C-alpha atoms as a PDB file:
ATOM      1  CA  MET A   1      14.087   6.932  -7.041  1.00  0.00           C
ATOM      2  CA  SER A   2      10.391   7.143  -7.835  1.00  0.00           C
ATOM      3  CA  THR A   3       8.045   4.274  -8.267  1.00  0.00           C
ATOM      4  CA  PRO A   4       6.715   4.194 -11.783  1.00  0.00           C
ATOM      5  CA  PRO A   5       3.071   4.970 -12.391  1.00  0.00           C
ATOM      6  CA  ALA A   6       0.620   2.292 -12.015  1.00  0.00           C
ATOM      7  CA  GLU A   7      -0.105  -0.278 -14.709  1.00  0.00           C
ATOM      8  CA  VAL A   8      -3.887  -0.632 -15.377  1.00  0.00           C
ATOM      9  CA  ARG A   9      -5.477  -3.945 -16.034  1.00  0.00           C
ATOM     10  CA  THR A  10      -8.908  -5.180 -16.551  1.00  0.00           C
ATOM     11  CA  ASP A  11      -9.751  -8.276 -14.521  1.00  0.00           C
ATOM     12  CA  PRO A  12     -11.773 -11.194 -15.849  1.00  0.00           C
ATOM     13  CA  ASP A  13     -14.808 -10.023 -13.877  1.00  0.00           C
ATOM     14  CA  GLY A  14     -14.499  -6.473 -15.799  1.00  0.00           C
ATOM     15  CA  ALA A  15     -13.110  -4.630 -12.758  1.00  0.00           C
ATOM     16  CA  THR A  16     -10.258  -2.403 -13.089  1.00  0.00           C
ATOM     17  CA  THR A  17      -7.110  -2.747 -11.030  1.00  0.00           C
ATOM     18  CA  ALA A  18      -4.179  -0.459 -10.686  1.00  0.00           C
ATOM     19  CA  VAL A  19      -0.805  -2.321 -10.133  1.00  0.00           C
ATOM     20  CA  TRP A  20       2.510  -1.019  -8.958  1.00  0.00           C
ATOM     21  CA  ARG A  21       5.693  -3.037  -9.026  1.00  0.00           C
ATOM     22  CA  ARG A  22       8.711  -2.135  -7.007  1.00  0.00           C
ATOM     23  CA  GLU A  23      12.011  -4.103  -6.735  1.00  0.00           C
ATOM     24  CA  TYR A  24      14.036  -4.143  -3.467  1.00  0.00           C
ATOM     25  CA  PRO A  25      17.418  -5.385  -2.736  1.00  0.00           C
ATOM     26  CA  ASP A  26      16.174  -6.878   0.426  1.00  0.00           C
ATOM     27  CA  PRO A  27      15.073 -10.534   1.086  1.00  0.00           C
ATOM     28  CA  VAL A  28      11.449 -11.548   0.737  1.00  0.00           C
ATOM     29  CA  GLU A  29      11.179 -11.982   4.634  1.00  0.00           C
ATOM     30  CA  ASP A  30      12.184  -8.328   5.157  1.00  0.00           C
ATOM     31  CA  ILE A  31       9.738  -7.040   2.567  1.00  0.00           C
ATOM     32  CA  TRP A  32       7.081  -8.973   4.241  1.00  0.00           C
ATOM     33  CA  ALA A  33       7.848  -7.769   7.726  1.00  0.00           C
ATOM     34  CA  ALA A  34       7.875  -4.109   6.611  1.00  0.00           C
ATOM     35  CA  ILE A  35       4.311  -4.597   5.124  1.00  0.00           C
ATOM     36  CA  THR A  36       2.777  -6.774   7.883  1.00  0.00           C
ATOM     37  CA  GLU A  37       4.330  -5.929  11.203  1.00  0.00           C
ATOM     38  CA  SER A  38       2.853  -2.971  12.818  1.00  0.00           C
ATOM     39  CA  GLU A  39       5.866  -1.203  14.081  1.00  0.00           C
ATOM     40  CA  ARG A  40       7.674  -1.592  10.738  1.00  0.00           C
ATOM     41  CA  LEU A  41       4.407  -0.590   8.947  1.00  0.00           C
ATOM     42  CA  GLY A  42       4.268   2.389  11.077  1.00  0.00           C
ATOM     43  CA  ARG A  43       7.560   3.840   9.789  1.00  0.00           C
ATOM     44  CA  TRP A  44       6.102   4.425   6.232  1.00  0.00           C
ATOM     45  CA  ILE A  45       2.057   4.405   6.358  1.00  0.00           C
ATOM     46  CA  GLY A  46       0.369   3.551   9.686  1.00  0.00           C
ATOM     47  CA  THR A  47      -0.018   1.063  12.452  1.00  0.00           C
ATOM     48  CA  TRP A  48      -2.492  -1.569  13.304  1.00  0.00           C
ATOM     49  CA  THR A  49      -3.794  -3.333  16.500  1.00  0.00           C
ATOM     50  CA  GLY A  50      -5.838  -6.426  16.978  1.00  0.00           C
ATOM     51  CA  GLU A  51      -5.596 -10.122  16.425  1.00  0.00           C
ATOM     52  CA  PRO A  52      -4.773 -10.680  12.741  1.00  0.00           C
ATOM     53  CA  ARG A  53      -6.435 -13.683  11.087  1.00  0.00           C
ATOM     54  CA  VAL A  54      -7.770 -14.494   7.648  1.00  0.00           C
ATOM     55  CA  GLY A  55     -11.461 -13.432   7.707  1.00  0.00           C
ATOM     56  CA  GLY A  56     -11.047 -11.151  10.851  1.00  0.00           C
ATOM     57  CA  THR A  57     -10.177  -7.441  11.185  1.00  0.00           C
ATOM     58  CA  VAL A  58      -7.541  -5.297  12.618  1.00  0.00           C
ATOM     59  CA  THR A  59      -7.758  -1.627  13.627  1.00  0.00           C
ATOM     60  CA  PHE A  60      -5.677   0.339  11.118  1.00  0.00           C
ATOM     61  CA  THR A  61      -4.536   3.995  11.878  1.00  0.00           C
ATOM     62  CA  MET A  62      -2.860   5.790   8.983  1.00  0.00           C
ATOM     63  CA  THR A  63      -0.190   8.129  10.202  1.00  0.00           C
ATOM     64  CA  GLY A  64       1.830   8.895   7.077  1.00  0.00           C
ATOM     65  CA  GLU A  65      -0.406  11.629   5.879  1.00  0.00           C
ATOM     66  CA  VAL A  66       1.171  13.903   8.638  1.00  0.00           C
ATOM     67  CA  ASP A  67       4.261  14.070   6.606  1.00  0.00           C
ATOM     68  CA  ALA A  68       2.199  15.440   3.629  1.00  0.00           C
ATOM     69  CA  GLY A  69       0.779  18.162   5.785  1.00  0.00           C
ATOM     70  CA  GLY A  70      -2.431  16.150   6.720  1.00  0.00           C
ATOM     71  CA  GLU A  71      -3.581  14.560  10.044  1.00  0.00           C
ATOM     72  CA  VAL A  72      -3.587  11.069  11.552  1.00  0.00           C
ATOM     73  CA  ASP A  73      -6.739   9.427  10.304  1.00  0.00           C
ATOM     74  CA  GLU A  74      -9.375   7.997  12.420  1.00  0.00           C
ATOM     75  CA  PRO A  75      -8.754   4.231  13.071  1.00  0.00           C
ATOM     76  CA  THR A  76     -10.591   2.093  10.698  1.00  0.00           C
ATOM     77  CA  GLU A  77     -11.327  -1.655  10.789  1.00  0.00           C
ATOM     78  CA  VAL A  78      -9.568  -3.471   7.871  1.00  0.00           C
ATOM     79  CA  ARG A  79     -10.644  -6.938   6.985  1.00  0.00           C
ATOM     80  CA  ILE A  80      -7.825  -9.628   6.069  1.00  0.00           C
ATOM     81  CA  LEU A  81      -9.017 -11.642   3.064  1.00  0.00           C
ATOM     82  CA  ALA A  82      -5.786 -13.577   2.589  1.00  0.00           C
ATOM     83  CA  CYS A  83      -2.494 -13.965   4.386  1.00  0.00           C
ATOM     84  CA  GLU A  84       0.151 -16.517   3.258  1.00  0.00           C
ATOM     85  CA  PRO A  85       3.408 -15.460   4.818  1.00  0.00           C
ATOM     86  CA  PRO A  86       5.910 -14.373   3.440  1.00  0.00           C
ATOM     87  CA  ARG A  87       4.321 -13.945   0.007  1.00  0.00           C
ATOM     88  CA  HIS A  88       0.673 -12.780  -0.125  1.00  0.00           C
ATOM     89  CA  LEU A  89      -1.668 -10.467   1.740  1.00  0.00           C
ATOM     90  CA  ALA A  90      -5.029  -9.323   0.585  1.00  0.00           C
ATOM     91  CA  ILE A  91      -7.124  -6.728   2.584  1.00  0.00           C
ATOM     92  CA  GLU A  92     -10.475  -4.880   2.320  1.00  0.00           C
ATOM     93  CA  PHE A  93      -9.966  -1.283   3.300  1.00  0.00           C
ATOM     94  CA  PRO A  94     -13.162   0.795   3.733  1.00  0.00           C
ATOM     95  CA  ALA A  95     -12.963   3.899   1.424  1.00  0.00           C
ATOM     96  CA  THR A  96     -16.456   5.180   1.936  1.00  0.00           C
ATOM     97  CA  GLU A  97     -19.720   4.102   3.737  1.00  0.00           C
ATOM     98  CA  ASP A  98     -20.719   1.824   0.876  1.00  0.00           C
ATOM     99  CA  GLN A  99     -17.437   1.160  -0.903  1.00  0.00           C
ATOM    100  CA  SER A 100     -14.133  -0.575   0.016  1.00  0.00           C
ATOM    101  CA  TRP A 101     -10.712  -0.553  -1.499  1.00  0.00           C
ATOM    102  CA  TYR A 102      -9.422  -4.175  -1.972  1.00  0.00           C
ATOM    103  CA  LEU A 103      -5.503  -4.270  -1.896  1.00  0.00           C
ATOM    104  CA  ASP A 104      -3.536  -7.190  -2.790  1.00  0.00           C
ATOM    105  CA  LEU A 105       0.193  -7.384  -2.032  1.00  0.00           C
ATOM    106  CA  THR A 106       2.489 -10.035  -3.262  1.00  0.00           C
ATOM    107  CA  VAL A 107       6.286 -10.325  -2.528  1.00  0.00           C
ATOM    108  CA  GLU A 108       8.110 -12.368  -5.161  1.00  0.00           C
ATOM    109  CA  PRO A 109      11.661 -13.571  -4.803  1.00  0.00           C
ATOM    110  CA  ARG A 110      14.408 -12.371  -7.157  1.00  0.00           C
ATOM    111  CA  ALA A 111      18.063 -13.358  -7.402  1.00  0.00           C
ATOM    112  CA  THR A 112      19.148  -9.869  -6.034  1.00  0.00           C
ATOM    113  CA  GLY A 113      16.216  -9.332  -3.477  1.00  0.00           C
ATOM    114  CA  ALA A 114      12.359  -9.240  -3.973  1.00  0.00           C
ATOM    115  CA  VAL A 115       9.593  -7.557  -5.962  1.00  0.00           C
ATOM    116  CA  LEU A 116       6.660  -6.105  -4.319  1.00  0.00           C
ATOM    117  CA  VAL A 117       3.412  -6.318  -6.509  1.00  0.00           C
ATOM    118  CA  PHE A 118       0.950  -3.878  -5.010  1.00  0.00           C
ATOM    119  CA  ALA A 119      -2.483  -3.958  -6.515  1.00  0.00           C
ATOM    120  CA  GLN A 120      -5.599  -1.940  -5.866  1.00  0.00           C
ATOM    121  CA  ARG A 121      -8.965  -2.709  -7.345  1.00  0.00           C
ATOM    122  CA  LEU A 122     -10.662   0.483  -8.273  1.00  0.00           C
ATOM    123  CA  VAL A 123     -14.038   1.468  -7.041  1.00  0.00           C
ATOM    124  CA  GLU A 124     -16.726   2.685  -9.310  1.00  0.00           C
ATOM    125  CA  GLY A 125     -16.062   6.197 -10.657  1.00  0.00           C
ATOM    126  CA  GLN A 126     -12.353   5.966  -9.444  1.00  0.00           C
ATOM    127  CA  SER A 127      -9.427   6.160 -11.962  1.00  0.00           C
ATOM    128  CA  SER A 128      -5.793   5.030 -11.452  1.00  0.00           C
ATOM    129  CA  GLU A 129      -4.927   8.716 -11.644  1.00  0.00           C
ATOM    130  CA  ASP A 130      -7.085   9.187  -8.508  1.00  0.00           C
ATOM    131  CA  VAL A 131      -4.779   6.875  -6.427  1.00  0.00           C
ATOM    132  CA  ASP A 132      -1.407   6.929  -8.378  1.00  0.00           C
ATOM    133  CA  ALA A 133       0.434   9.699  -6.781  1.00  0.00           C
ATOM    134  CA  GLY A 134      -0.426   8.580  -3.131  1.00  0.00           C
ATOM    135  CA  TRP A 135       0.681   5.034  -3.708  1.00  0.00           C
ATOM    136  CA  ARG A 136       3.875   6.066  -5.465  1.00  0.00           C
ATOM    137  CA  TRP A 137       4.623   8.115  -2.633  1.00  0.00           C
ATOM    138  CA  TYR A 138       3.888   5.545   0.035  1.00  0.00           C
ATOM    139  CA  LEU A 139       5.811   2.939  -1.827  1.00  0.00           C
ATOM    140  CA  ASP A 140       8.799   5.257  -2.023  1.00  0.00           C
ATOM    141  CA  ARG A 141       8.422   5.790   1.750  1.00  0.00           C
ATOM    142  CA  LEU A 142       8.515   1.998   2.106  1.00  0.00           C
ATOM    143  CA  GLY A 143      11.768   1.922   0.061  1.00  0.00           C
ATOM    144  CA  ALA A 144      13.165   4.705   2.126  1.00  0.00           C
ATOM    145  CA  THR A 145      12.525   2.872   5.366  1.00  0.00           C
ATOM    146  CA  LEU A 146      14.096  -0.335   4.031  1.00  0.00           C
ATOM    147  CA  ALA A 147      17.211   1.587   2.580  1.00  0.00           C
ATOM    148  CA  GLY A 148      17.446   3.997   5.831  1.00  0.00           C
ATOM    149  CA  THR A 149      17.351   7.006   3.463  1.00  0.00           C
ATOM    150  CA  PRO A 150      15.310  10.126   3.981  1.00  0.00           C
ATOM    151  CA  MET A 151      11.526  10.089   3.335  1.00  0.00           C
ATOM    152  CA  PRO A 152      10.323  11.502   0.008  1.00  0.00           C
ATOM    153  CA  ASP A 153       8.653  14.872   0.047  1.00  0.00           C
ATOM    154  CA  TRP A 154       4.948  14.737  -1.057  1.00  0.00           C
ATOM    155  CA  SER A 155       5.276  17.977  -3.079  1.00  0.00           C
ATOM    156  CA  ALA A 156       7.165  15.894  -5.718  1.00  0.00           C
ATOM    157  CA  TYR A 157       4.181  13.494  -6.168  1.00  0.00           C
ATOM    158  CA  ALA A 158       1.136  15.824  -5.395  1.00  0.00           C
ATOM    159  CA  PRO A 159      -0.918  16.177  -8.490  1.00  0.00           C
ATOM    160  CA  GLU A 160      -1.158  19.849  -9.936  1.00  0.00           C
ATOM    161  CA  PRO A 161      -4.181  21.687  -8.790  1.00  0.00           C
ATOM    162  CA  THR A 162      -6.925  22.063 -11.511  1.00  0.00           C
ATOM    163  CA  GLY A 163      -9.156  25.092 -12.074  1.00  0.00           C
END
């Protein structure tokens, strides 16, 4: 099952945010653990070290790219903007020297599990198409780790080359 493409919204301050919603049969606490505990996070995207606290930073190493033919990224300092277990996490992830990605993850309970609402505020010059395939792939990797099924193949998500 593939995550649907992002919905795009314009925030009250005029910024554009891409939003993905994914339903899981798992309880809120299990989804929360999979997006916040380093060992569980490492199964689908990367690991972190440090002392997590709101306003503080952790060192995050993205490892999932290896499964797409890439390399393990250099560790980067990620700032925790909000953390309200087991429902809400917001982080600032440096994208370039002068721009950051703002990621907001909310876990909502449902009668038959939980919904993860994953949002990324787009930086200037970036479109939802720029990030959609990667986040759909990562969210499907999260789903595969929760379900104990094989990881999705990046080639099913990779944008067609242009030119």
